[in-house]
Amino acid sequence: MSLAMGRFYLPPQVLVAVAVLAAVGALLGALLDAAYDGTGRPLSLGFLACGLVALALVLWAERGHLFQPLDVTVETEPLPAEVV
């Protein structure tokens, strides 16, 4: 169903996540606005802070290892002769 055709359902967890993301974004924007002094320094420091937070989240999600191959083995069977 397309969005223009009628209602669609979002689970409550998605709505809560969107609300939390909007609140965090508004808070970070307010902090950058309060730090503005007419130069580009607050914006660049905000970019640096967000980049460091993103790196920390990636390290947390990857369990401390960046750019390591996944240790996943997949069992596959050869294709039947009629497919090849």
N, C-alpha and C. Protein backbone atom coordinates (compact mmCIF):
# COMPACT_ATOMS: atom_id res chain seq x y z
N MET A 1 0.85 -1.17 0.00
CA MET A 1 0.00 0.00 0.00
C MET A 1 0.90 1.23 0.00
N SER A 2 0.63 2.16 -0.84
CA SER A 2 1.42 3.39 -0.86
C SER A 2 0.93 4.32 0.24
N LEU A 3 1.79 5.26 0.59
CA LEU A 3 1.43 6.19 1.66
C LEU A 3 0.28 7.09 1.26
N ALA A 4 0.13 7.37 -0.02
CA ALA A 4 -0.93 8.26 -0.47
C ALA A 4 -2.29 7.58 -0.49
N MET A 5 -2.33 6.26 -0.39
CA MET A 5 -3.59 5.54 -0.51
C MET A 5 -4.36 5.43 0.81
N GLY A 6 -3.72 5.68 1.91
CA GLY A 6 -4.46 5.58 3.16
C GLY A 6 -3.53 5.46 4.35
N ARG A 7 -4.08 4.93 5.42
CA ARG A 7 -3.32 4.82 6.66
C ARG A 7 -2.31 3.67 6.58
N PHE A 8 -1.26 3.79 7.34
CA PHE A 8 -0.30 2.70 7.49
C PHE A 8 0.06 2.61 8.96
N TYR A 9 0.58 1.49 9.37
CA TYR A 9 0.82 1.21 10.77
C TYR A 9 2.30 1.27 11.09
N LEU A 10 2.65 1.99 12.15
CA LEU A 10 4.00 1.97 12.69
C LEU A 10 3.91 1.45 14.11
N PRO A 11 4.76 0.50 14.45
CA PRO A 11 4.73 -0.01 15.83
C PRO A 11 5.11 1.08 16.82
N PRO A 12 4.67 0.96 18.06
CA PRO A 12 4.96 2.00 19.07
C PRO A 12 6.46 2.21 19.28
N GLN A 13 7.28 1.15 19.12
CA GLN A 13 8.72 1.29 19.32
C GLN A 13 9.32 2.26 18.30
N VAL A 14 8.81 2.24 17.08
CA VAL A 14 9.32 3.14 16.04
C VAL A 14 8.94 4.57 16.38
N LEU A 15 7.73 4.77 16.84
CA LEU A 15 7.30 6.12 17.20
C LEU A 15 8.10 6.67 18.36
N VAL A 16 8.40 5.83 19.34
CA VAL A 16 9.22 6.26 20.48
C VAL A 16 10.64 6.58 20.00
N ALA A 17 11.19 5.75 19.13
CA ALA A 17 12.54 5.99 18.62
C ALA A 17 12.61 7.31 17.86
N VAL A 18 11.61 7.59 17.05
CA VAL A 18 11.58 8.84 16.30
C VAL A 18 11.48 10.03 17.25
N ALA A 19 10.68 9.91 18.28
CA ALA A 19 10.55 11.00 19.25
C ALA A 19 11.86 11.23 20.00
N VAL A 20 12.54 10.16 20.38
CA VAL A 20 13.81 10.29 21.09
C VAL A 20 14.87 10.92 20.18
N LEU A 21 14.93 10.47 18.92
CA LEU A 21 15.89 11.05 17.99
C LEU A 21 15.63 12.54 17.76
N ALA A 22 14.37 12.92 17.66
CA ALA A 22 14.03 14.33 17.48
C ALA A 22 14.44 15.15 18.71
N ALA A 23 14.22 14.60 19.89
CA ALA A 23 14.57 15.31 21.12
C ALA A 23 16.08 15.46 21.25
N VAL A 24 16.82 14.40 20.94
CA VAL A 24 18.29 14.47 21.02
C VAL A 24 18.82 15.46 20.00
N GLY A 25 18.27 15.45 18.79
CA GLY A 25 18.69 16.40 17.78
C GLY A 25 18.40 17.84 18.18
N ALA A 26 17.25 18.06 18.77
CA ALA A 26 16.91 19.40 19.22
C ALA A 26 17.84 19.85 20.35
N LEU A 27 18.17 18.94 21.25
CA LEU A 27 19.08 19.28 22.35
C LEU A 27 20.47 19.61 21.82
N LEU A 28 20.98 18.80 20.89
CA LEU A 28 22.30 19.09 20.32
C LEU A 28 22.29 20.40 19.55
N GLY A 29 21.23 20.67 18.83
CA GLY A 29 21.12 21.94 18.12
C GLY A 29 21.08 23.12 19.07
N ALA A 30 20.39 22.97 20.19
CA ALA A 30 20.33 24.04 21.18
C ALA A 30 21.70 24.28 21.80
N LEU A 31 22.45 23.21 22.05
CA LEU A 31 23.80 23.37 22.60
C LEU A 31 24.72 24.08 21.61
N LEU A 32 24.64 23.72 20.35
CA LEU A 32 25.45 24.40 19.35
C LEU A 32 25.03 25.86 19.19
N ASP A 33 23.74 26.11 19.27
CA ASP A 33 23.24 27.48 19.17
C ASP A 33 23.74 28.33 20.34
N ALA A 34 23.74 27.75 21.52
CA ALA A 34 24.21 28.49 22.70
C ALA A 34 25.71 28.76 22.63
N ALA A 35 26.47 27.89 21.94
CA ALA A 35 27.91 28.05 21.85
C ALA A 35 28.33 28.96 20.70
N TYR A 36 27.39 29.36 19.86
CA TYR A 36 27.74 30.16 18.68
C TYR A 36 28.31 31.51 19.10
N ASP A 37 29.46 31.85 18.54
CA ASP A 37 30.13 33.11 18.86
C ASP A 37 30.48 33.92 17.62
N GLY A 38 29.85 33.63 16.51
CA GLY A 38 30.11 34.37 15.29
C GLY A 38 31.16 33.74 14.40
N THR A 39 31.75 32.65 14.86
CA THR A 39 32.77 31.96 14.06
C THR A 39 32.28 30.56 13.71
N GLY A 40 33.08 29.84 12.99
CA GLY A 40 32.75 28.46 12.64
C GLY A 40 33.24 27.44 13.64
N ARG A 41 33.88 27.91 14.70
CA ARG A 41 34.46 27.00 15.69
C ARG A 41 33.40 26.12 16.36
N PRO A 42 32.26 26.64 16.84
CA PRO A 42 31.28 25.75 17.48
C PRO A 42 30.75 24.67 16.54
N LEU A 43 30.55 25.03 15.28
CA LEU A 43 30.06 24.05 14.32
C LEU A 43 31.09 22.95 14.08
N SER A 44 32.35 23.34 13.92
CA SER A 44 33.38 22.33 13.70
C SER A 44 33.60 21.48 14.94
N LEU A 45 33.51 22.06 16.12
CA LEU A 45 33.61 21.26 17.34
C LEU A 45 32.41 20.33 17.49
N GLY A 46 31.25 20.79 17.05
CA GLY A 46 30.07 19.92 17.07
C GLY A 46 30.23 18.75 16.12
N PHE A 47 30.79 19.02 14.92
CA PHE A 47 31.07 17.92 13.98
C PHE A 47 32.06 16.94 14.58
N LEU A 48 33.10 17.45 15.23
CA LEU A 48 34.10 16.59 15.86
C LEU A 48 33.46 15.73 16.95
N ALA A 49 32.63 16.35 17.79
CA ALA A 49 31.98 15.60 18.87
C ALA A 49 31.05 14.53 18.32
N CYS A 50 30.27 14.86 17.30
CA CYS A 50 29.37 13.87 16.71
C CYS A 50 30.15 12.74 16.05
N GLY A 51 31.27 13.07 15.40
CA GLY A 51 32.10 12.05 14.80
C GLY A 51 32.70 11.11 15.82
N LEU A 52 33.14 11.66 16.95
CA LEU A 52 33.70 10.81 18.01
C LEU A 52 32.63 9.92 18.64
N VAL A 53 31.43 10.46 18.81
CA VAL A 53 30.33 9.64 19.33
C VAL A 53 30.00 8.53 18.34
N ALA A 54 29.98 8.84 17.04
CA ALA A 54 29.70 7.82 16.03
C ALA A 54 30.79 6.75 16.05
N LEU A 55 32.05 7.15 16.16
CA LEU A 55 33.14 6.18 16.23
C LEU A 55 33.01 5.30 17.46
N ALA A 56 32.65 5.90 18.60
CA ALA A 56 32.46 5.11 19.82
C ALA A 56 31.33 4.11 19.66
N LEU A 57 30.24 4.52 19.00
CA LEU A 57 29.13 3.59 18.79
C LEU A 57 29.51 2.44 17.85
N VAL A 58 30.32 2.74 16.83
CA VAL A 58 30.78 1.68 15.93
C VAL A 58 31.70 0.72 16.68
N LEU A 59 32.60 1.26 17.49
CA LEU A 59 33.48 0.39 18.27
C LEU A 59 32.67 -0.48 19.23
N TRP A 60 31.63 0.09 19.82
CA TRP A 60 30.78 -0.69 20.72
C TRP A 60 30.04 -1.78 19.94
N ALA A 61 29.50 -1.44 18.79
CA ALA A 61 28.75 -2.41 18.00
C ALA A 61 29.65 -3.50 17.44
N GLU A 62 30.90 -3.16 17.10
CA GLU A 62 31.84 -4.12 16.55
C GLU A 62 32.67 -4.81 17.64
N ARG A 63 32.34 -4.56 18.87
CA ARG A 63 33.02 -5.14 20.03
C ARG A 63 34.51 -4.82 20.04
N GLY A 64 34.84 -3.58 19.72
CA GLY A 64 36.20 -3.10 19.83
C GLY A 64 37.10 -3.36 18.64
N HIS A 65 36.61 -3.94 17.59
CA HIS A 65 37.44 -4.25 16.42
C HIS A 65 36.89 -3.51 15.20
N LEU A 66 37.74 -2.68 14.61
CA LEU A 66 37.36 -1.99 13.38
C LEU A 66 37.95 -2.73 12.19
N PHE A 67 37.17 -2.80 11.14
CA PHE A 67 37.63 -3.32 9.85
C PHE A 67 38.18 -4.74 9.94
N GLN A 68 37.56 -5.57 10.73
CA GLN A 68 37.94 -6.97 10.82
C GLN A 68 36.95 -7.80 10.02
N PRO A 69 37.42 -8.84 9.34
CA PRO A 69 36.47 -9.68 8.61
C PRO A 69 35.55 -10.42 9.58
N LEU A 70 34.35 -10.64 9.13
CA LEU A 70 33.40 -11.39 9.95
C LEU A 70 33.80 -12.85 9.99
N ASP A 71 33.62 -13.48 11.11
CA ASP A 71 33.94 -14.89 11.26
C ASP A 71 32.67 -15.70 11.03
N VAL A 72 32.22 -15.72 9.78
CA VAL A 72 30.98 -16.39 9.43
C VAL A 72 31.28 -17.41 8.34
N THR A 73 30.87 -18.63 8.58
CA THR A 73 31.00 -19.65 7.55
C THR A 73 29.60 -20.06 7.13
N VAL A 74 29.39 -20.15 5.83
CA VAL A 74 28.09 -20.49 5.29
C VAL A 74 28.23 -21.78 4.52
N GLU A 75 27.40 -22.73 4.87
CA GLU A 75 27.40 -24.01 4.15
C GLU A 75 26.54 -23.86 2.90
N THR A 76 27.12 -24.12 1.76
CA THR A 76 26.37 -24.04 0.51
C THR A 76 26.51 -25.35 -0.24
N GLU A 77 25.50 -25.63 -1.00
CA GLU A 77 25.52 -26.83 -1.84
C GLU A 77 25.72 -26.39 -3.28
N PRO A 78 26.37 -27.21 -4.10
CA PRO A 78 26.53 -26.83 -5.50
C PRO A 78 25.19 -26.78 -6.21
N LEU A 79 25.12 -25.95 -7.27
CA LEU A 79 23.89 -25.85 -8.04
C LEU A 79 23.65 -27.13 -8.83
N PRO A 80 22.38 -27.49 -8.99
CA PRO A 80 22.09 -28.67 -9.83
C PRO A 80 22.56 -28.44 -11.25
N ALA A 81 22.80 -29.52 -11.98
CA ALA A 81 23.34 -29.44 -13.33
C ALA A 81 22.38 -28.72 -14.28
N GLU A 82 21.07 -28.85 -14.07
CA GLU A 82 20.12 -28.21 -14.99
C GLU A 82 20.09 -26.69 -14.82
N VAL A 83 20.55 -26.18 -13.68
CA VAL A 83 20.59 -24.73 -13.48
C VAL A 83 21.83 -24.14 -14.11
N VAL A 84 22.92 -24.86 -14.06
CA VAL A 84 24.20 -24.36 -14.60
C VAL A 84 24.19 -24.49 -16.04
